Amino acid sequence: MRYGTKLSVSSRKLAVPLVFSLLLAACGTQGATAKSQANTTVTSAKGSIAGYFKDPASAPACSVGQLSVSFAQVGQAAGTVAGELVFTNASSSYCHLSGWPKVVGVVGQTGATITAAKADSILGRPAPAKSASIALAVPGKPVYALFSVPTGVDYGPQCGPPFTYLRVTPPGTNGVIKVPASLPGVNAAMPGCPGLAVTAVVGNAAPSIPVVTTTTTAPSGAGMPACTGQHLQVSMGRNGAAAGTVYVTLDFKNVSSLPCSLEGWPSVVGEQASGSQTAAAKTDQPPLSVAQGAPAAVLLPANGGVAEAQVSGGDNPPGGVGECATFAYLLIAAPGTRTTSRIPAFVPNLGTGMPDCGTMAVTWVAPYQSS
């Protein structure tokens, strides 16, 4: 089967550089939006999300179940079709891909197959030095490999029928993703020709880790996967008392190698030694700072990022008579999690447990403040 006009020997020699120039132009126009998406990382006030990894390899390897595969930036010129084979992380967890995918073109009617050869670059992209790089797959964001295949102009009768679908095995996995071989941009199925080639996966490179500051202008956690109980370590931070109010901060520290976010109110329950419990009410009036505007997702960078909530309670007994009982423990679950941490309710600056005077409140989580 043929997909273009037969070229003479002399015209083929002239067509080789023309393939490169025309396809680069085609890819740069038809798929400009897809390309920008393929090279986009979620950004924040402090830099890209990828920056919160020491390197992309610190994220776990992607599994087949996390990925979807599609085509983008497909163009055709002078006997060659080329474009991007896009791997999108459809999960809420970060992962990485490294190396060449296995790509097999399949003709559904006959079962005939052609396996793509490994290439360091196609049409000058990507640079060979990047072909073995590790690509960080941010949730919802694509990374890609490049592919090319002759259209039949140069291979003539050696080409079989167009491929019906591709069997794609992402690098580092054993699973197969079946991808229809219909190519956007050229409105045709992928030619079933020898010469199919694919590069290693490339994508979002990780810059250096930004410095985490102790201000309320920390990077936003919007769009980040939510922290789980397994991500977090919970402890008491600042504490003290003033004007009849006892306060403590609860620090939620990300001890995992992946960044995550928290948003909303934690669950806080005070527990006396007798087992009696009192749940903290939600408030937007933190005792240690001005009133908060509204809950917002807070970014916890990998390996040590911290968010905090503030817990307050009165230390005046009802009617002003006697003394309040004290809590022995605080039972704490971060927003959106089901994991409860049980920490001592001892307030160091008071030398006693947090009082249980029947009033206790907790704010939503906010960026960590050092003072």
Protein backbone atom coordinates (compact mmCIF):
# COMPACT_ATOMS: atom_id res chain seq x y z
CA MET A 1 0.00 0.00 0.00
CA ARG A 2 1.27 3.48 -0.85
CA TYR A 3 0.70 6.72 0.99
CA GLY A 4 2.40 9.21 -1.31
CA THR A 5 3.79 9.78 -4.77
CA LYS A 6 6.74 7.67 -5.90
CA LEU A 7 9.94 9.75 -5.86
CA SER A 8 12.84 9.43 -8.24
CA VAL A 9 16.30 8.66 -6.84
CA SER A 10 17.43 12.24 -7.24
CA SER A 11 14.27 13.68 -5.75
CA ARG A 12 14.59 11.35 -2.73
CA LYS A 13 18.00 12.78 -1.93
CA LEU A 14 16.51 16.25 -1.93
CA ALA A 15 13.55 15.05 0.13
CA VAL A 16 15.60 13.90 3.13
CA PRO A 17 16.29 17.41 4.55
CA LEU A 18 12.83 18.42 3.39
CA VAL A 19 11.33 15.70 5.62
CA PHE A 20 13.05 17.21 8.63
CA SER A 21 12.09 20.81 7.90
CA LEU A 22 8.49 20.14 6.88
CA LEU A 23 7.77 17.74 9.71
CA LEU A 24 9.26 20.07 12.29
CA ALA A 25 7.08 22.83 10.90
CA ALA A 26 4.02 20.58 10.85
CA CYS A 27 4.61 19.40 14.39
CA GLY A 28 5.22 22.92 15.59
CA THR A 29 1.90 24.23 14.23
CA GLN A 30 -0.64 21.42 14.33
CA GLY A 31 0.40 20.30 17.79
CA ALA A 32 1.64 23.46 19.49
CA THR A 33 -0.90 23.11 22.26
CA ALA A 34 -0.08 19.45 22.88
CA LYS A 35 3.64 20.24 22.92
CA SER A 36 3.23 22.96 25.50
CA GLN A 37 1.22 20.55 27.62
CA ALA A 38 3.87 17.85 27.25
CA ASN A 39 6.52 20.19 28.60
CA THR A 40 4.44 21.83 31.32
CA THR A 41 4.87 21.34 35.04
CA VAL A 42 2.48 22.65 37.66
CA THR A 43 4.02 25.89 38.89
CA SER A 44 3.84 27.73 42.18
CA ALA A 45 5.34 30.78 43.85
CA LYS A 46 8.56 28.86 44.47
CA GLY A 47 9.00 26.98 41.20
CA SER A 48 7.81 23.82 39.55
CA ILE A 49 6.28 20.87 41.33
CA ALA A 50 9.07 18.75 39.90
CA GLY A 51 11.45 20.86 41.97
CA TYR A 52 10.22 19.20 45.13
CA PHE A 53 12.04 16.01 44.18
CA LYS A 54 15.78 15.67 44.52
CA ASP A 55 15.47 14.07 41.10
CA PRO A 56 12.63 12.37 39.19
CA ALA A 57 13.94 8.95 40.21
CA SER A 58 12.90 9.70 43.81
CA ALA A 59 9.32 9.16 42.65
CA PRO A 60 8.34 5.48 42.25
CA ALA A 61 8.33 3.91 38.79
CA CYS A 62 5.03 4.25 36.96
CA SER A 63 2.77 1.23 36.66
CA VAL A 64 0.61 0.44 33.65
CA GLY A 65 -2.49 1.16 35.71
CA GLN A 66 -1.40 4.78 36.22
CA LEU A 67 -0.96 5.59 32.55
CA SER A 68 -2.96 6.41 29.46
CA VAL A 69 -1.36 6.62 26.01
CA SER A 70 -2.31 8.83 23.05
CA PHE A 71 -0.83 10.67 20.06
CA ALA A 72 0.04 14.36 19.72
CA GLN A 73 1.88 16.66 17.31
CA VAL A 74 1.53 14.28 14.38
CA GLY A 75 2.74 15.54 11.02
CA GLN A 76 3.44 14.10 7.57
CA ALA A 77 5.82 15.17 4.82
CA ALA A 78 7.95 13.62 2.06
CA GLY A 79 7.17 10.03 2.88
CA THR A 80 7.40 10.08 6.69
CA VAL A 81 4.87 10.39 9.50
CA ALA A 82 6.20 11.46 12.91
CA GLY A 83 4.87 12.75 16.19
CA GLU A 84 4.66 12.19 19.91
CA LEU A 85 3.49 9.08 21.74
CA VAL A 86 2.15 10.68 24.90
CA PHE A 87 2.09 8.98 28.33
CA THR A 88 -0.28 10.75 30.72
CA ASN A 89 -0.28 10.01 34.45
CA ALA A 90 -3.99 9.44 35.09
CA SER A 91 -3.48 8.73 38.80
CA SER A 92 -3.12 11.08 41.79
CA SER A 93 0.40 9.86 42.61
CA TYR A 94 3.73 10.92 41.16
CA CYS A 95 5.80 8.40 39.25
CA HIS A 96 8.61 8.27 36.71
CA LEU A 97 9.39 6.62 33.39
CA SER A 98 12.86 5.86 32.13
CA GLY A 99 13.97 4.29 28.89
CA TRP A 100 12.34 3.11 25.67
CA PRO A 101 8.75 1.88 25.49
CA LYS A 102 8.15 -1.28 23.52
CA VAL A 103 5.88 -0.41 20.63
CA VAL A 104 4.40 -3.07 18.34
CA GLY A 105 2.18 -2.19 15.39
CA VAL A 106 -0.58 -4.73 14.82
CA VAL A 107 -2.76 -5.27 11.76
CA GLY A 108 -5.98 -6.51 13.32
CA GLN A 109 -7.30 -8.29 10.26
CA THR A 110 -4.22 -10.42 9.71
CA GLY A 111 -2.40 -10.30 13.05
CA ALA A 112 0.79 -9.15 11.30
CA THR A 113 3.11 -7.15 13.53
CA ILE A 114 6.10 -4.80 13.27
CA THR A 115 8.13 -3.92 16.37
CA ALA A 116 9.52 -0.39 16.59
CA ALA A 117 13.28 -0.01 16.64
CA LYS A 118 14.91 2.06 19.40
CA ALA A 119 16.11 5.48 18.30
CA ASP A 120 18.11 8.13 20.12
CA SER A 121 16.48 10.95 18.19
CA ILE A 122 13.88 11.54 15.50
CA LEU A 123 14.07 14.63 13.30
CA GLY A 124 16.68 16.01 15.65
CA ARG A 125 14.51 15.62 18.74
CA PRO A 126 15.26 14.80 21.50
CA ALA A 127 18.99 15.34 21.83
CA PRO A 128 20.76 11.98 22.29
CA ALA A 129 22.01 13.11 25.70
CA LYS A 130 18.40 13.27 26.87
CA SER A 131 17.23 10.02 25.37
CA ALA A 132 18.11 8.01 28.48
CA SER A 133 16.84 10.63 30.95
CA ILE A 134 14.27 9.98 33.66
CA ALA A 135 10.93 11.67 33.05
CA LEU A 136 8.80 12.73 36.03
CA ALA A 137 5.11 12.00 35.39
CA VAL A 138 3.17 14.65 37.32
CA PRO A 139 -0.47 13.62 37.95
CA GLY A 140 -2.58 14.72 35.01
CA LYS A 141 0.46 15.84 33.01
CA PRO A 142 2.05 14.14 29.97
CA VAL A 143 5.55 13.00 29.11
CA TYR A 144 6.30 11.57 25.72
CA ALA A 145 8.39 9.51 23.34
CA LEU A 146 8.82 10.41 19.67
CA PHE A 147 7.89 8.02 16.89
CA SER A 148 8.34 7.94 13.13
CA VAL A 149 7.26 5.58 10.37
CA PRO A 150 7.66 5.64 6.58
CA THR A 151 4.46 6.09 4.60
CA GLY A 152 5.33 3.71 1.78
CA VAL A 153 6.89 6.20 -0.64
CA ASP A 154 10.35 4.75 -0.10
CA TYR A 155 9.37 1.20 0.85
CA GLY A 156 6.85 0.54 -1.90
CA PRO A 157 5.26 -2.92 -1.89
CA GLN A 158 7.07 -3.94 1.31
CA CYS A 159 4.45 -2.05 3.33
CA GLY A 160 1.49 -4.00 4.57
CA PRO A 161 -1.98 -2.71 5.42
CA PRO A 162 -2.17 0.16 7.93
CA PHE A 163 -1.89 -0.76 11.58
CA THR A 164 -5.17 -1.23 13.40
CA TYR A 165 -3.66 -0.59 16.82
CA LEU A 166 -0.39 -0.44 18.73
CA ARG A 167 0.62 -2.60 21.67
CA VAL A 168 2.56 -0.21 23.93
CA THR A 169 4.54 -1.44 26.93
CA PRO A 170 5.68 1.58 29.00
CA PRO A 171 9.34 1.40 30.05
CA GLY A 172 9.93 -0.44 33.30
CA THR A 173 6.64 -2.34 33.14
CA ASN A 174 5.42 -5.68 31.84
CA GLY A 175 1.89 -4.58 30.99
CA VAL A 176 0.53 -3.64 27.58
CA ILE A 177 -1.69 -0.69 26.68
CA LYS A 178 -3.67 -1.09 23.45
CA VAL A 179 -3.78 2.18 21.48
CA PRO A 180 -5.89 2.67 18.32
CA ALA A 181 -3.54 3.52 15.43
CA SER A 182 -5.67 6.36 14.03
CA LEU A 183 -3.38 9.40 13.85
CA PRO A 184 -4.73 12.88 14.56
CA GLY A 185 -3.39 15.55 12.26
CA VAL A 186 -3.08 13.30 9.22
CA ASN A 187 -6.56 11.72 9.42
CA ALA A 188 -5.26 8.26 8.64
CA ALA A 189 -4.18 5.07 10.31
CA MET A 190 -0.49 4.57 10.98
CA PRO A 191 1.18 3.01 7.91
CA GLY A 192 2.08 -0.64 8.40
CA CYS A 193 5.62 -0.16 7.13
CA PRO A 194 9.03 -1.44 8.21
CA GLY A 195 11.10 1.37 9.65
CA LEU A 196 8.83 2.15 12.61
CA ALA A 197 11.01 3.74 15.33
CA VAL A 198 10.56 5.20 18.80
CA THR A 199 12.76 7.19 21.21
CA ALA A 200 13.08 6.89 24.96
CA VAL A 201 10.54 8.76 27.07
CA VAL A 202 11.43 12.38 27.79
CA GLY A 203 9.55 15.09 29.61
CA ASN A 204 9.59 17.23 32.70
CA ALA A 205 13.10 17.55 34.10
CA ALA A 206 13.45 18.28 37.80
CA PRO A 207 15.23 21.48 38.84
CA SER A 208 16.95 21.80 42.18
CA ILE A 209 14.92 21.73 45.38
CA PRO A 210 13.75 25.24 46.34
CA VAL A 211 14.38 26.52 49.83
CA VAL A 212 11.37 26.12 52.10
CA THR A 213 10.81 29.40 53.92
CA THR A 214 8.91 29.99 57.15
CA THR A 215 6.42 32.50 55.81
CA THR A 216 2.77 32.43 54.88
CA THR A 217 3.72 32.87 51.19
CA ALA A 218 4.63 29.19 50.80
CA PRO A 219 3.83 27.56 47.45
CA SER A 220 0.21 26.69 46.86
CA GLY A 221 -0.80 23.05 47.03
CA ALA A 222 -3.61 23.47 44.49
CA GLY A 223 -3.71 20.53 42.11
CA MET A 224 -1.38 18.42 44.24
CA PRO A 225 -2.37 14.93 45.41
CA ALA A 226 -3.71 14.93 48.95
CA CYS A 227 -1.50 13.73 51.78
CA THR A 228 -2.41 10.40 53.32
CA GLY A 229 -1.80 9.30 56.88
CA GLN A 230 1.24 7.38 55.63
CA HIS A 231 2.80 10.62 54.40
CA LEU A 232 2.59 12.42 57.73
CA GLN A 233 4.13 12.72 61.16
CA VAL A 234 2.09 14.72 63.69
CA SER A 235 3.54 16.58 66.67
CA MET A 236 2.90 19.54 68.97
CA GLY A 237 4.70 22.74 68.04
CA ARG A 238 4.46 26.14 69.67
CA ASN A 239 2.44 26.35 72.86
CA GLY A 240 1.58 28.67 75.70
CA ALA A 241 -1.22 30.54 77.44
CA ALA A 242 -2.49 34.11 77.66
CA ALA A 243 -5.67 35.87 78.78
CA GLY A 244 -7.41 32.70 79.88
CA THR A 245 -6.64 30.82 76.66
CA VAL A 246 -4.29 27.89 76.19
CA TYR A 247 -2.98 27.31 72.69
CA VAL A 248 -0.85 24.80 70.83
CA THR A 249 0.08 24.34 67.20
CA LEU A 250 -0.16 20.95 65.56
CA ASP A 251 2.59 20.33 63.01
CA PHE A 252 1.89 17.99 60.10
CA LYS A 253 5.26 16.97 58.63
CA ASN A 254 5.58 15.20 55.30
CA VAL A 255 8.08 12.41 55.95
CA SER A 256 7.63 10.78 52.52
CA SER A 257 9.68 11.25 49.35
CA LEU A 258 6.68 12.70 47.49
CA PRO A 259 5.12 16.16 47.85
CA CYS A 260 1.44 16.33 48.81
CA SER A 261 -1.15 18.82 50.04
CA LEU A 262 -3.53 19.35 52.94
CA GLU A 263 -6.70 21.42 52.93
CA GLY A 264 -9.34 22.01 55.58
CA TRP A 265 -9.73 21.26 59.27
CA PRO A 266 -8.03 18.36 61.01
CA SER A 267 -10.02 16.23 63.41
CA VAL A 268 -8.88 16.85 67.00
CA VAL A 269 -10.24 15.04 70.07
CA GLY A 270 -8.96 15.56 73.60
CA GLU A 271 -8.86 12.42 75.75
CA GLN A 272 -8.64 12.42 79.55
CA ALA A 273 -6.84 9.66 81.43
CA SER A 274 -10.27 8.28 82.31
CA GLY A 275 -11.08 7.87 78.61
CA SER A 276 -13.56 10.78 78.51
CA GLN A 277 -13.29 12.62 75.22
CA THR A 278 -14.06 16.12 73.92
CA ALA A 279 -13.98 16.99 70.21
CA ALA A 280 -12.61 20.34 69.07
CA ALA A 281 -14.98 22.59 67.15
CA LYS A 282 -13.96 24.15 63.84
CA THR A 283 -12.97 27.82 63.91
CA ASP A 284 -11.46 30.44 61.62
CA GLN A 285 -10.11 32.48 64.55
CA PRO A 286 -6.53 31.32 65.20
CA PRO A 287 -5.21 32.51 68.56
CA LEU A 288 -1.70 33.21 67.24
CA SER A 289 -2.47 35.30 64.15
CA VAL A 290 -5.17 37.24 62.34
CA ALA A 291 -8.36 35.55 61.19
CA GLN A 292 -7.91 33.37 58.11
CA GLY A 293 -9.79 34.17 54.94
CA ALA A 294 -10.75 30.70 53.70
CA PRO A 295 -9.30 27.19 53.64
CA ALA A 296 -6.72 26.67 50.89
CA ALA A 297 -4.57 23.75 49.79
CA VAL A 298 -1.18 23.88 51.50
CA LEU A 299 1.83 22.34 49.79
CA LEU A 300 4.02 20.02 51.90
CA PRO A 301 7.28 19.49 49.98
CA ALA A 302 8.81 16.03 50.10
CA ASN A 303 11.11 15.02 52.93
CA GLY A 304 10.19 17.55 55.59
CA GLY A 305 7.52 19.99 54.39
CA VAL A 306 5.29 21.17 57.26
CA ALA A 307 1.79 22.62 57.60
CA GLU A 308 0.18 23.59 60.87
CA ALA A 309 -3.17 24.03 62.57
CA GLN A 310 -3.84 25.86 65.83
CA VAL A 311 -5.78 24.39 68.74
CA SER A 312 -7.09 26.57 71.55
CA GLY A 313 -9.05 26.03 74.75
CA GLY A 314 -10.05 28.04 77.79
CA ASP A 315 -8.46 27.42 81.18
CA ASN A 316 -11.22 29.02 83.26
CA PRO A 317 -13.49 26.47 84.95
CA PRO A 318 -17.26 26.89 84.53
CA GLY A 319 -18.53 29.41 87.08
CA GLY A 320 -14.94 30.23 88.00
CA VAL A 321 -14.95 27.56 90.71
CA GLY A 322 -12.39 24.75 91.09
CA GLU A 323 -10.00 23.57 88.41
CA CYS A 324 -10.50 22.13 84.98
CA ALA A 325 -9.65 18.54 84.25
CA THR A 326 -6.79 18.05 81.80
CA PHE A 327 -6.37 15.96 78.71
CA ALA A 328 -3.79 13.18 78.70
CA TYR A 329 -3.76 12.81 74.92
CA LEU A 330 -4.84 14.49 71.72
CA LEU A 331 -6.23 12.24 68.97
CA ILE A 332 -5.47 13.89 65.64
CA ALA A 333 -6.35 13.04 62.03
CA ALA A 334 -5.09 15.30 59.24
CA PRO A 335 -7.73 16.72 56.87
CA GLY A 336 -9.02 14.13 54.46
CA THR A 337 -7.29 11.20 56.16
CA ARG A 338 -8.48 8.32 58.33
CA THR A 339 -5.23 7.77 60.18
CA THR A 340 -5.35 8.95 63.80
CA SER A 341 -2.21 9.97 65.69
CA ARG A 342 -2.30 9.86 69.49
CA ILE A 343 0.12 12.36 71.01
CA PRO A 344 0.59 13.53 74.64
CA ALA A 345 -1.48 16.61 75.46
CA PHE A 346 1.22 17.93 77.80
CA VAL A 347 1.82 21.67 77.24
CA PRO A 348 5.50 22.32 78.07
CA ASN A 349 5.10 26.03 78.72
CA LEU A 350 2.34 25.31 81.28
CA GLY A 351 3.90 22.23 82.83
CA THR A 352 0.56 20.41 82.67
CA GLY A 353 -1.87 18.84 80.24
CA MET A 354 -4.15 20.91 78.04
CA PRO A 355 -7.17 21.87 80.15
CA ASP A 356 -10.59 20.40 79.44
CA CYS A 357 -12.91 23.22 80.35
CA GLY A 358 -15.52 22.23 77.82
CA THR A 359 -14.28 24.57 75.11
CA MET A 360 -11.74 23.57 72.47
CA ALA A 361 -11.42 24.72 68.87
CA VAL A 362 -9.15 24.02 65.90
CA THR A 363 -8.33 26.07 62.81
CA TRP A 364 -7.84 24.74 59.31
CA VAL A 365 -4.30 23.92 58.22
CA ALA A 366 -2.12 26.77 57.03
CA PRO A 367 1.50 27.20 55.92
CA TYR A 368 3.99 26.65 58.71
CA GLN A 369 5.20 29.69 60.62
CA SER A 370 8.38 29.67 62.66
CA SER A 371 7.06 32.21 65.18
